[in-house]
């Protein structure tokens, strides 16, 4: 998997958004290193899925 600067920024922003959403959903739970790692991995998986779907839709035409 190639990591372009745009992809790195997208994963970073998505991880921030997921972390913020998780903080608002569970305000009493602290985000530690393990949870932050899971959030980043989820962000990477979501970004990869979106890129895959975009390529599939773009190649239809």
C-alpha atoms as a PDB file:
ATOM      1  CA  UNK A   1       0.000   0.000   0.000  1.00  0.00           C
ATOM      2  CA  UNK A   2       1.448   3.347  -1.015  1.00  0.00           C
ATOM      3  CA  UNK A   3       1.168   6.253   1.390  1.00  0.00           C
ATOM      4  CA  UNK A   4       0.908   9.560  -0.402  1.00  0.00           C
ATOM      5  CA  UNK A   5       0.860  12.773   1.644  1.00  0.00           C
ATOM      6  CA  UNK A   6      -2.849  13.184   0.910  1.00  0.00           C
ATOM      7  CA  UNK A   7      -3.590   9.685   2.211  1.00  0.00           C
ATOM      8  CA  UNK A   8      -1.568  10.290   5.386  1.00  0.00           C
ATOM      9  CA  UNK A   9      -3.455  13.531   6.035  1.00  0.00           C
ATOM     10  CA  UNK A  10      -6.800  11.808   5.363  1.00  0.00           C
ATOM     11  CA  UNK A  11      -6.042   9.022   7.837  1.00  0.00           C
ATOM     12  CA  UNK A  12      -4.804  11.534  10.416  1.00  0.00           C
ATOM     13  CA  UNK A  13      -7.937  13.692  10.132  1.00  0.00           C
ATOM     14  CA  UNK A  14     -10.203  10.657  10.197  1.00  0.00           C
ATOM     15  CA  UNK A  15      -8.426   9.366  13.311  1.00  0.00           C
ATOM     16  CA  UNK A  16      -8.899  12.765  14.973  1.00  0.00           C
ATOM     17  CA  UNK A  17     -12.589  12.755  14.096  1.00  0.00           C
ATOM     18  CA  UNK A  18     -13.036   9.204  15.398  1.00  0.00           C
ATOM     19  CA  UNK A  19     -11.183  10.080  18.593  1.00  0.00           C
ATOM     20  CA  UNK A  20     -13.349  13.158  19.133  1.00  0.00           C
ATOM     21  CA  UNK A  21     -16.524  11.201  18.479  1.00  0.00           C
ATOM     22  CA  UNK A  22     -15.391   8.492  20.887  1.00  0.00           C
ATOM     23  CA  UNK A  23     -14.574  11.109  23.536  1.00  0.00           C
ATOM     24  CA  UNK A  24     -18.039  12.633  23.243  1.00  0.00           C
ATOM     25  CA  UNK A  25     -19.731   9.226  23.266  1.00  0.00           C
ATOM     26  CA  UNK A  26     -17.817   7.993  26.332  1.00  0.00           C
ATOM     27  CA  UNK A  27     -16.664  11.064  28.304  1.00  0.00           C
ATOM     28  CA  UNK A  28     -15.622   9.103  31.408  1.00  0.00           C
ATOM     29  CA  UNK A  29     -13.228   6.832  29.482  1.00  0.00           C
ATOM     30  CA  UNK A  30      -9.699   8.078  28.886  1.00  0.00           C
ATOM     31  CA  UNK A  31      -8.059   7.450  25.539  1.00  0.00           C
ATOM     32  CA  UNK A  32      -4.826   5.595  26.253  1.00  0.00           C
ATOM     33  CA  UNK A  33      -2.182   4.338  23.822  1.00  0.00           C
ATOM     34  CA  UNK A  34      -3.984   1.083  23.066  1.00  0.00           C
ATOM     35  CA  UNK A  35      -7.275   2.801  22.284  1.00  0.00           C
ATOM     36  CA  UNK A  36      -5.483   5.428  20.196  1.00  0.00           C
ATOM     37  CA  UNK A  37      -3.832   2.630  18.205  1.00  0.00           C
ATOM     38  CA  UNK A  38      -7.206   1.000  17.580  1.00  0.00           C
ATOM     39  CA  UNK A  39      -8.662   4.343  16.488  1.00  0.00           C
ATOM     40  CA  UNK A  40      -5.811   4.885  14.001  1.00  0.00           C
ATOM     41  CA  UNK A  41      -6.173   1.334  12.646  1.00  0.00           C
ATOM     42  CA  UNK A  42      -9.914   1.825  12.193  1.00  0.00           C
ATOM     43  CA  UNK A  43      -9.254   5.126  10.413  1.00  0.00           C
ATOM     44  CA  UNK A  44      -6.754   3.413   8.107  1.00  0.00           C
ATOM     45  CA  UNK A  45      -9.215   0.622   7.335  1.00  0.00           C
ATOM     46  CA  UNK A  46     -12.045   3.068   6.610  1.00  0.00           C
ATOM     47  CA  UNK A  47      -9.825   5.190   4.372  1.00  0.00           C
ATOM     48  CA  UNK A  48      -8.659   2.095   2.478  1.00  0.00           C
ATOM     49  CA  UNK A  49     -12.246   0.947   2.029  1.00  0.00           C
ATOM     50  CA  UNK A  50     -13.285   4.357   0.720  1.00  0.00           C
ATOM     51  CA  UNK A  51     -10.338   4.410  -1.700  1.00  0.00           C
ATOM     52  CA  UNK A  52     -11.242   0.909  -2.920  1.00  0.00           C
ATOM     53  CA  UNK A  53     -14.876   1.861  -3.465  1.00  0.00           C
ATOM     54  CA  UNK A  54     -13.843   5.059  -5.237  1.00  0.00           C
ATOM     55  CA  UNK A  55     -11.632   3.103  -7.636  1.00  0.00           C
ATOM     56  CA  UNK A  56     -14.446   0.636  -8.343  1.00  0.00           C
ATOM     57  CA  UNK A  57     -16.933   3.418  -9.096  1.00  0.00           C
ATOM     58  CA  UNK A  58     -14.410   5.414 -11.131  1.00  0.00           C
ATOM     59  CA  UNK A  59     -13.590   2.417 -13.324  1.00  0.00           C
ATOM     60  CA  UNK A  60     -17.228   1.771 -14.261  1.00  0.00           C
ATOM     61  CA  UNK A  61     -17.460   4.484 -16.853  1.00  0.00           C
END
